[in-house]
Amino acid sequence: MFSVLWKLTSSAHWLAERYSELPWYAAVVMEKEFDMAMAQLDMELAPEGIDRVELARQIYADFLEAPRKKIDWKKIIEEDIRENAKVFGRKD
């Protein structure tokens, strides 16, 4: 899909913006306030008689409606560095 879009436009910036708006773009999925693991369990453990297609539609609608949260990668990395130093000791 990316290569097709590339041929339709000359602006790489425009293309990157459109691509990042797709609901299954990795960054979008990570930023969603949506419990993907729970959705998977809901599908896997749905009891007999539950229409799984309708359940999937509702889960997908919930995913699309879930707000996006900004991830502070700098903070996460700094916390990981501190935690790694505690667990593994400094190796400066």
PDB file of N, CA and C in Angstrom:
ATOM      1  N   MET A   1       0.822  -1.178   0.000  1.00  0.00           N
ATOM      2  CA  MET A   1       0.000   0.000   0.000  1.00  0.00           C
ATOM      3  C   MET A   1       0.877   1.256   0.000  1.00  0.00           C
ATOM      4  N   PHE A   2       1.938   1.237   0.784  1.00  0.00           N
ATOM      5  CA  PHE A   2       2.826   2.394   0.873  1.00  0.00           C
ATOM      6  C   PHE A   2       3.382   2.744  -0.495  1.00  0.00           C
ATOM      7  N   SER A   3       3.788   1.734  -1.285  1.00  0.00           N
ATOM      8  CA  SER A   3       4.372   2.006  -2.598  1.00  0.00           C
ATOM      9  C   SER A   3       3.333   2.579  -3.564  1.00  0.00           C
ATOM     10  N   VAL A   4       2.091   2.146  -3.444  1.00  0.00           N
ATOM     11  CA  VAL A   4       1.035   2.688  -4.298  1.00  0.00           C
ATOM     12  C   VAL A   4       0.803   4.152  -3.962  1.00  0.00           C
ATOM     13  N   LEU A   5       0.700   4.452  -2.673  1.00  0.00           N
ATOM     14  CA  LEU A   5       0.512   5.843  -2.258  1.00  0.00           C
ATOM     15  C   LEU A   5       1.676   6.713  -2.715  1.00  0.00           C
ATOM     16  N   TRP A   6       2.884   6.163  -2.649  1.00  0.00           N
ATOM     17  CA  TRP A   6       4.062   6.923  -3.044  1.00  0.00           C
ATOM     18  C   TRP A   6       3.961   7.356  -4.508  1.00  0.00           C
ATOM     19  N   LYS A   7       3.452   6.467  -5.345  1.00  0.00           N
ATOM     20  CA  LYS A   7       3.342   6.772  -6.770  1.00  0.00           C
ATOM     21  C   LYS A   7       2.255   7.813  -7.057  1.00  0.00           C
ATOM     22  N   LEU A   8       1.301   7.960  -6.142  1.00  0.00           N
ATOM     23  CA  LEU A   8       0.199   8.890  -6.354  1.00  0.00           C
ATOM     24  C   LEU A   8       0.507  10.306  -5.886  1.00  0.00           C
ATOM     25  N   THR A   9       1.604  10.487  -5.190  1.00  0.00           N
ATOM     26  CA  THR A   9       1.929  11.809  -4.667  1.00  0.00           C
ATOM     27  C   THR A   9       3.426  12.052  -4.756  1.00  0.00           C
ATOM     28  N   SER A  10       3.794  13.299  -4.797  1.00  0.00           N
ATOM     29  CA  SER A  10       5.216  13.619  -4.830  1.00  0.00           C
ATOM     30  C   SER A  10       5.708  14.113  -3.476  1.00  0.00           C
ATOM     31  N   SER A  11       4.802  14.277  -2.521  1.00  0.00           N
ATOM     32  CA  SER A  11       5.170  14.811  -1.221  1.00  0.00           C
ATOM     33  C   SER A  11       5.325  13.690  -0.195  1.00  0.00           C
ATOM     34  N   ALA A  12       6.547  13.459   0.215  1.00  0.00           N
ATOM     35  CA  ALA A  12       6.792  12.433   1.231  1.00  0.00           C
ATOM     36  C   ALA A  12       6.158  12.822   2.557  1.00  0.00           C
ATOM     37  N   HIS A  13       6.152  14.119   2.859  1.00  0.00           N
ATOM     38  CA  HIS A  13       5.534  14.596   4.093  1.00  0.00           C
ATOM     39  C   HIS A  13       4.034  14.288   4.097  1.00  0.00           C
ATOM     40  N   TRP A  14       3.362  14.578   2.992  1.00  0.00           N
ATOM     41  CA  TRP A  14       1.931  14.297   2.877  1.00  0.00           C
ATOM     42  C   TRP A  14       1.676  12.809   3.059  1.00  0.00           C
ATOM     43  N   LEU A  15       2.493  11.991   2.426  1.00  0.00           N
ATOM     44  CA  LEU A  15       2.348  10.551   2.505  1.00  0.00           C
ATOM     45  C   LEU A  15       2.522  10.059   3.937  1.00  0.00           C
ATOM     46  N   ALA A  16       3.532  10.547   4.628  1.00  0.00           N
ATOM     47  CA  ALA A  16       3.767  10.136   6.006  1.00  0.00           C
ATOM     48  C   ALA A  16       2.594  10.527   6.903  1.00  0.00           C
ATOM     49  N   GLU A  17       2.038  11.707   6.674  1.00  0.00           N
ATOM     50  CA  GLU A  17       0.877  12.139   7.461  1.00  0.00           C
ATOM     51  C   GLU A  17      -0.323  11.234   7.224  1.00  0.00           C
ATOM     52  N   ARG A  18      -0.609  10.901   5.984  1.00  0.00           N
ATOM     53  CA  ARG A  18      -1.756  10.043   5.677  1.00  0.00           C
ATOM     54  C   ARG A  18      -1.552   8.654   6.273  1.00  0.00           C
ATOM     55  N   TYR A  19      -0.354   8.138   6.139  1.00  0.00           N
ATOM     56  CA  TYR A  19      -0.064   6.792   6.636  1.00  0.00           C
ATOM     57  C   TYR A  19      -0.226   6.734   8.152  1.00  0.00           C
ATOM     58  N   SER A  20       0.213   7.764   8.855  1.00  0.00           N
ATOM     59  CA  SER A  20       0.134   7.764  10.315  1.00  0.00           C
ATOM     60  C   SER A  20      -1.285   7.941  10.823  1.00  0.00           C
ATOM     61  N   GLU A  21      -2.222   8.309   9.956  1.00  0.00           N
ATOM     62  CA  GLU A  21      -3.618   8.455  10.349  1.00  0.00           C
ATOM     63  C   GLU A  21      -4.384   7.135  10.289  1.00  0.00           C
ATOM     64  N   LEU A  22      -3.808   6.124   9.686  1.00  0.00           N
ATOM     65  CA  LEU A  22      -4.480   4.830   9.606  1.00  0.00           C
ATOM     66  C   LEU A  22      -4.658   4.258  11.010  1.00  0.00           C
ATOM     67  N   PRO A  23      -5.816   3.654  11.307  1.00  0.00           N
ATOM     68  CA  PRO A  23      -6.060   3.200  12.671  1.00  0.00           C
ATOM     69  C   PRO A  23      -5.153   2.068  13.125  1.00  0.00           C
ATOM     70  N   TRP A  24      -4.560   1.315  12.213  1.00  0.00           N
ATOM     71  CA  TRP A  24      -3.704   0.205  12.624  1.00  0.00           C
ATOM     72  C   TRP A  24      -2.222   0.526  12.478  1.00  0.00           C
ATOM     73  N   TYR A  25      -1.902   1.779  12.230  1.00  0.00           N
ATOM     74  CA  TYR A  25      -0.506   2.215  12.208  1.00  0.00           C
ATOM     75  C   TYR A  25       0.067   1.972  13.607  1.00  0.00           C
ATOM     76  N   ALA A  26       1.259   1.421  13.711  1.00  0.00           N
ATOM     77  CA  ALA A  26       1.823   0.984  14.999  1.00  0.00           C
ATOM     78  C   ALA A  26       1.799   2.075  16.064  1.00  0.00           C
ATOM     79  N   ALA A  27       2.177   3.275  15.695  1.00  0.00           N
ATOM     80  CA  ALA A  27       2.195   4.359  16.685  1.00  0.00           C
ATOM     81  C   ALA A  27       0.791   4.681  17.171  1.00  0.00           C
ATOM     82  N   VAL A  28      -0.187   4.614  16.295  1.00  0.00           N
ATOM     83  CA  VAL A  28      -1.570   4.888  16.688  1.00  0.00           C
ATOM     84  C   VAL A  28      -2.048   3.826  17.675  1.00  0.00           C
ATOM     85  N   VAL A  29      -1.761   2.571  17.395  1.00  0.00           N
ATOM     86  CA  VAL A  29      -2.176   1.481  18.279  1.00  0.00           C
ATOM     87  C   VAL A  29      -1.542   1.650  19.658  1.00  0.00           C
ATOM     88  N   MET A  30      -0.268   2.012  19.705  1.00  0.00           N
ATOM     89  CA  MET A  30       0.415   2.178  20.986  1.00  0.00           C
ATOM     90  C   MET A  30      -0.141   3.351  21.783  1.00  0.00           C
ATOM     91  N   GLU A  31      -0.588   4.398  21.100  1.00  0.00           N
ATOM     92  CA  GLU A  31      -1.067   5.594  21.785  1.00  0.00           C
ATOM     93  C   GLU A  31      -2.539   5.510  22.192  1.00  0.00           C
ATOM     94  N   LYS A  32      -3.250   4.508  21.728  1.00  0.00           N
ATOM     95  CA  LYS A  32      -4.669   4.378  22.064  1.00  0.00           C
ATOM     96  C   LYS A  32      -4.835   3.949  23.515  1.00  0.00           C
ATOM     97  N   GLU A  33      -5.803   4.544  24.178  1.00  0.00           N
ATOM     98  CA  GLU A  33      -6.166   4.118  25.529  1.00  0.00           C
ATOM     99  C   GLU A  33      -7.182   2.990  25.377  1.00  0.00           C
ATOM    100  N   PHE A  34      -6.683   1.857  24.917  1.00  0.00           N
ATOM    101  CA  PHE A  34      -7.516   0.703  24.616  1.00  0.00           C
ATOM    102  C   PHE A  34      -6.765  -0.537  25.044  1.00  0.00           C
ATOM    103  N   ASP A  35      -7.445  -1.424  25.754  1.00  0.00           N
ATOM    104  CA  ASP A  35      -6.813  -2.649  26.257  1.00  0.00           C
ATOM    105  C   ASP A  35      -6.935  -3.742  25.199  1.00  0.00           C
ATOM    106  N   MET A  36      -5.915  -3.839  24.351  1.00  0.00           N
ATOM    107  CA  MET A  36      -5.927  -4.791  23.246  1.00  0.00           C
ATOM    108  C   MET A  36      -5.931  -6.238  23.753  1.00  0.00           C
ATOM    109  N   ALA A  37      -5.211  -6.502  24.845  1.00  0.00           N
ATOM    110  CA  ALA A  37      -5.170  -7.857  25.395  1.00  0.00           C
ATOM    111  C   ALA A  37      -6.563  -8.282  25.889  1.00  0.00           C
ATOM    112  N   MET A  38      -7.273  -7.363  26.523  1.00  0.00           N
ATOM    113  CA  MET A  38      -8.623  -7.680  26.997  1.00  0.00           C
ATOM    114  C   MET A  38      -9.563  -7.927  25.824  1.00  0.00           C
ATOM    115  N   ALA A  39      -9.400  -7.168  24.760  1.00  0.00           N
ATOM    116  CA  ALA A  39     -10.229  -7.371  23.568  1.00  0.00           C
ATOM    117  C   ALA A  39      -9.971  -8.760  22.986  1.00  0.00           C
ATOM    118  N   GLN A  40      -8.716  -9.165  22.978  1.00  0.00           N
ATOM    119  CA  GLN A  40      -8.378 -10.493  22.474  1.00  0.00           C
ATOM    120  C   GLN A  40      -9.018 -11.570  23.344  1.00  0.00           C
ATOM    121  N   LEU A  41      -8.940 -11.397  24.663  1.00  0.00           N
ATOM    122  CA  LEU A  41      -9.568 -12.363  25.569  1.00  0.00           C
ATOM    123  C   LEU A  41     -11.077 -12.406  25.378  1.00  0.00           C
ATOM    124  N   ASP A  42     -11.683 -11.248  25.210  1.00  0.00           N
ATOM    125  CA  ASP A  42     -13.128 -11.203  24.972  1.00  0.00           C
ATOM    126  C   ASP A  42     -13.500 -12.046  23.765  1.00  0.00           C
ATOM    127  N   MET A  43     -12.715 -11.946  22.715  1.00  0.00           N
ATOM    128  CA  MET A  43     -12.999 -12.729  21.508  1.00  0.00           C
ATOM    129  C   MET A  43     -12.766 -14.217  21.742  1.00  0.00           C
ATOM    130  N   GLU A  44     -11.649 -14.539  22.388  1.00  0.00           N
ATOM    131  CA  GLU A  44     -11.295 -15.945  22.578  1.00  0.00           C
ATOM    132  C   GLU A  44     -12.235 -16.660  23.546  1.00  0.00           C
ATOM    133  N   LEU A  45     -12.717 -15.948  24.554  1.00  0.00           N
ATOM    134  CA  LEU A  45     -13.510 -16.582  25.605  1.00  0.00           C
ATOM    135  C   LEU A  45     -15.002 -16.302  25.487  1.00  0.00           C
ATOM    136  N   ALA A  46     -15.432 -15.795  24.358  1.00  0.00           N
ATOM    137  CA  ALA A  46     -16.863 -15.528  24.169  1.00  0.00           C
ATOM    138  C   ALA A  46     -17.638 -16.841  24.279  1.00  0.00           C
ATOM    139  N   PRO A  47     -18.680 -16.853  25.117  1.00  0.00           N
ATOM    140  CA  PRO A  47     -19.435 -18.099  25.302  1.00  0.00           C
ATOM    141  C   PRO A  47     -20.237 -18.487  24.058  1.00  0.00           C
ATOM    142  N   GLU A  48     -20.670 -19.739  24.032  1.00  0.00           N
ATOM    143  CA  GLU A  48     -21.512 -20.227  22.944  1.00  0.00           C
ATOM    144  C   GLU A  48     -22.742 -19.341  22.838  1.00  0.00           C
ATOM    145  N   GLY A  49     -23.160 -19.098  21.625  1.00  0.00           N
ATOM    146  CA  GLY A  49     -24.350 -18.297  21.406  1.00  0.00           C
ATOM    147  C   GLY A  49     -24.062 -16.823  21.164  1.00  0.00           C
ATOM    148  N   ILE A  50     -22.852 -16.381  21.468  1.00  0.00           N
ATOM    149  CA  ILE A  50     -22.472 -14.990  21.217  1.00  0.00           C
ATOM    150  C   ILE A  50     -22.016 -14.880  19.766  1.00  0.00           C
ATOM    151  N   ASP A  51     -22.561 -13.928  19.059  1.00  0.00           N
ATOM    152  CA  ASP A  51     -22.184 -13.694  17.657  1.00  0.00           C
ATOM    153  C   ASP A  51     -20.812 -13.005  17.651  1.00  0.00           C
ATOM    154  N   ARG A  52     -19.798 -13.760  17.288  1.00  0.00           N
ATOM    155  CA  ARG A  52     -18.427 -13.229  17.338  1.00  0.00           C
ATOM    156  C   ARG A  52     -18.199 -12.095  16.332  1.00  0.00           C
ATOM    157  N   VAL A  53     -18.892 -12.116  15.232  1.00  0.00           N
ATOM    158  CA  VAL A  53     -18.746 -11.036  14.256  1.00  0.00           C
ATOM    159  C   VAL A  53     -19.268  -9.728  14.854  1.00  0.00           C
ATOM    160  N   GLU A  54     -20.425  -9.790  15.499  1.00  0.00           N
ATOM    161  CA  GLU A  54     -20.966  -8.589  16.142  1.00  0.00           C
ATOM    162  C   GLU A  54     -20.079  -8.143  17.294  1.00  0.00           C
ATOM    163  N   LEU A  55     -19.547  -9.086  18.052  1.00  0.00           N
ATOM    164  CA  LEU A  55     -18.632  -8.758  19.137  1.00  0.00           C
ATOM    165  C   LEU A  55     -17.391  -8.066  18.579  1.00  0.00           C
ATOM    166  N   ALA A  56     -16.855  -8.590  17.489  1.00  0.00           N
ATOM    167  CA  ALA A  56     -15.676  -7.986  16.863  1.00  0.00           C
ATOM    168  C   ALA A  56     -15.985  -6.580  16.362  1.00  0.00           C
ATOM    169  N   ARG A  57     -17.163  -6.380  15.798  1.00  0.00           N
ATOM    170  CA  ARG A  57     -17.549  -5.045  15.335  1.00  0.00           C
ATOM    171  C   ARG A  57     -17.578  -4.051  16.493  1.00  0.00           C
ATOM    172  N   GLN A  58     -18.143  -4.492  17.623  1.00  0.00           N
ATOM    173  CA  GLN A  58     -18.226  -3.613  18.779  1.00  0.00           C
ATOM    174  C   GLN A  58     -16.838  -3.313  19.341  1.00  0.00           C
ATOM    175  N   ILE A  59     -15.993  -4.313  19.412  1.00  0.00           N
ATOM    176  CA  ILE A  59     -14.629  -4.108  19.908  1.00  0.00           C
ATOM    177  C   ILE A  59     -13.877  -3.141  18.990  1.00  0.00           C
ATOM    178  N   TYR A  60     -14.023  -3.319  17.684  1.00  0.00           N
ATOM    179  CA  TYR A  60     -13.356  -2.429  16.732  1.00  0.00           C
ATOM    180  C   TYR A  60     -13.886  -1.004  16.861  1.00  0.00           C
ATOM    181  N   ALA A  61     -15.190  -0.854  17.029  1.00  0.00           N
ATOM    182  CA  ALA A  61     -15.771   0.478  17.218  1.00  0.00           C
ATOM    183  C   ALA A  61     -15.213   1.120  18.489  1.00  0.00           C
ATOM    184  N   ASP A  62     -15.097   0.327  19.555  1.00  0.00           N
ATOM    185  CA  ASP A  62     -14.529   0.841  20.807  1.00  0.00           C
ATOM    186  C   ASP A  62     -13.080   1.276  20.598  1.00  0.00           C
ATOM    187  N   PHE A  63     -12.331   0.485  19.832  1.00  0.00           N
ATOM    188  CA  PHE A  63     -10.943   0.827  19.537  1.00  0.00           C
ATOM    189  C   PHE A  63     -10.860   2.152  18.789  1.00  0.00           C
ATOM    190  N   LEU A  64     -11.687   2.312  17.768  1.00  0.00           N
ATOM    191  CA  LEU A  64     -11.660   3.533  16.976  1.00  0.00           C
ATOM    192  C   LEU A  64     -12.047   4.760  17.795  1.00  0.00           C
ATOM    193  N   GLU A  65     -12.952   4.586  18.751  1.00  0.00           N
ATOM    194  CA  GLU A  65     -13.420   5.699  19.576  1.00  0.00           C
ATOM    195  C   GLU A  65     -12.473   6.009  20.739  1.00  0.00           C
ATOM    196  N   ALA A  66     -11.594   5.078  21.072  1.00  0.00           N
ATOM    197  CA  ALA A  66     -10.691   5.290  22.209  1.00  0.00           C
ATOM    198  C   ALA A  66      -9.792   6.490  21.947  1.00  0.00           C
ATOM    199  N   PRO A  67      -9.630   7.337  22.953  1.00  0.00           N
ATOM    200  CA  PRO A  67      -8.774   8.513  22.755  1.00  0.00           C
ATOM    201  C   PRO A  67      -7.305   8.111  22.651  1.00  0.00           C
ATOM    202  N   ARG A  68      -6.538   8.963  21.995  1.00  0.00           N
ATOM    203  CA  ARG A  68      -5.088   8.759  21.918  1.00  0.00           C
ATOM    204  C   ARG A  68      -4.437   9.542  23.036  1.00  0.00           C
ATOM    205  N   LYS A  69      -3.429   8.942  23.620  1.00  0.00           N
ATOM    206  CA  LYS A  69      -2.653   9.621  24.652  1.00  0.00           C
ATOM    207  C   LYS A  69      -1.245   9.819  24.134  1.00  0.00           C
ATOM    208  N   LYS A  70      -0.641  10.923  24.484  1.00  0.00           N
ATOM    209  CA  LYS A  70       0.731  11.198  24.057  1.00  0.00           C
ATOM    210  C   LYS A  70       1.671  10.396  24.947  1.00  0.00           C
ATOM    211  N   ILE A  71       2.577   9.676  24.342  1.00  0.00           N
ATOM    212  CA  ILE A  71       3.550   8.876  25.088  1.00  0.00           C
ATOM    213  C   ILE A  71       4.810   9.704  25.268  1.00  0.00           C
ATOM    214  N   ASP A  72       5.256   9.821  26.498  1.00  0.00           N
ATOM    215  CA  ASP A  72       6.474  10.558  26.817  1.00  0.00           C
ATOM    216  C   ASP A  72       7.649   9.573  26.776  1.00  0.00           C
ATOM    217  N   TRP A  73       8.199   9.384  25.577  1.00  0.00           N
ATOM    218  CA  TRP A  73       9.258   8.394  25.390  1.00  0.00           C
ATOM    219  C   TRP A  73      10.505   8.747  26.196  1.00  0.00           C
ATOM    220  N   LYS A  74      10.817  10.024  26.311  1.00  0.00           N
ATOM    221  CA  LYS A  74      11.998  10.430  27.075  1.00  0.00           C
ATOM    222  C   LYS A  74      11.864   9.980  28.523  1.00  0.00           C
ATOM    223  N   LYS A  75      10.708  10.188  29.121  1.00  0.00           N
ATOM    224  CA  LYS A  75      10.464   9.779  30.505  1.00  0.00           C
ATOM    225  C   LYS A  75      10.559   8.261  30.651  1.00  0.00           C
ATOM    226  N   ILE A  76       9.968   7.535  29.722  1.00  0.00           N
ATOM    227  CA  ILE A  76       9.999   6.068  29.772  1.00  0.00           C
ATOM    228  C   ILE A  76      11.426   5.557  29.682  1.00  0.00           C
ATOM    229  N   ILE A  77      12.212   6.116  28.791  1.00  0.00           N
ATOM    230  CA  ILE A  77      13.608   5.683  28.630  1.00  0.00           C
ATOM    231  C   ILE A  77      14.415   5.995  29.878  1.00  0.00           C
ATOM    232  N   GLU A  78      14.221   7.186  30.454  1.00  0.00           N
ATOM    233  CA  GLU A  78      14.944   7.548  31.683  1.00  0.00           C
ATOM    234  C   GLU A  78      14.585   6.606  32.831  1.00  0.00           C
ATOM    235  N   GLU A  79      13.303   6.251  32.950  1.00  0.00           N
ATOM    236  CA  GLU A  79      12.884   5.303  33.993  1.00  0.00           C
ATOM    237  C   GLU A  79      13.506   3.931  33.757  1.00  0.00           C
ATOM    238  N   ASP A  80      13.546   3.507  32.513  1.00  0.00           N
ATOM    239  CA  ASP A  80      14.153   2.216  32.187  1.00  0.00           C
ATOM    240  C   ASP A  80      15.648   2.206  32.503  1.00  0.00           C
ATOM    241  N   ILE A  81      16.328   3.300  32.231  1.00  0.00           N
ATOM    242  CA  ILE A  81      17.761   3.388  32.531  1.00  0.00           C
ATOM    243  C   ILE A  81      17.986   3.256  34.032  1.00  0.00           C
ATOM    244  N   ARG A  82      17.171   3.973  34.826  1.00  0.00           N
ATOM    245  CA  ARG A  82      17.293   3.877  36.290  1.00  0.00           C
ATOM    246  C   ARG A  82      17.000   2.463  36.784  1.00  0.00           C
ATOM    247  N   GLU A  83      15.951   1.857  36.262  1.00  0.00           N
ATOM    248  CA  GLU A  83      15.584   0.504  36.683  1.00  0.00           C
ATOM    249  C   GLU A  83      16.663  -0.503  36.285  1.00  0.00           C
ATOM    250  N   ASN A  84      17.199  -0.367  35.086  1.00  0.00           N
ATOM    251  CA  ASN A  84      18.274  -1.262  34.654  1.00  0.00           C
ATOM    252  C   ASN A  84      19.512  -1.097  35.527  1.00  0.00           C
ATOM    253  N   ALA A  85      19.807   0.138  35.927  1.00  0.00           N
ATOM    254  CA  ALA A  85      20.956   0.369  36.803  1.00  0.00           C
ATOM    255  C   ALA A  85      20.750  -0.318  38.141  1.00  0.00           C
ATOM    256  N   LYS A  86      19.539  -0.288  38.665  1.00  0.00           N
ATOM    257  CA  LYS A  86      19.229  -0.969  39.943  1.00  0.00           C
ATOM    258  C   LYS A  86      19.375  -2.477  39.794  1.00  0.00           C
ATOM    259  N   VAL A  87      18.832  -3.013  38.738  1.00  0.00           N
ATOM    260  CA  VAL A  87      18.815  -4.464  38.559  1.00  0.00           C
ATOM    261  C   VAL A  87      20.178  -5.017  38.164  1.00  0.00           C
ATOM    262  N   PHE A  88      20.830  -4.380  37.225  1.00  0.00           N
ATOM    263  CA  PHE A  88      22.064  -4.916  36.665  1.00  0.00           C
ATOM    264  C   PHE A  88      23.310  -4.203  37.157  1.00  0.00           C
ATOM    265  N   GLY A  89      23.160  -3.134  37.897  1.00  0.00           N
ATOM    266  CA  GLY A  89      24.313  -2.366  38.355  1.00  0.00           C
ATOM    267  C   GLY A  89      24.861  -1.521  37.215  1.00  0.00           C
ATOM    268  N   ARG A  90      25.523  -0.463  37.593  1.00  0.00           N
ATOM    269  CA  ARG A  90      26.096   0.441  36.582  1.00  0.00           C
ATOM    270  C   ARG A  90      27.272  -0.236  35.892  1.00  0.00           C
ATOM    271  N   LYS A  91      27.328  -0.073  34.607  1.00  0.00           N
ATOM    272  CA  LYS A  91      28.450  -0.622  33.829  1.00  0.00           C
ATOM    273  C   LYS A  91      29.037   0.506  33.007  1.00  0.00           C
ATOM    274  N   ASP A  92      29.337   1.622  33.671  1.00  0.00           N
ATOM    275  CA  ASP A  92      29.903   2.803  32.997  1.00  0.00           C
ATOM    276  C   ASP A  92      31.350   2.571  32.626  1.00  0.00           C
TER     277      ASP A  92
END
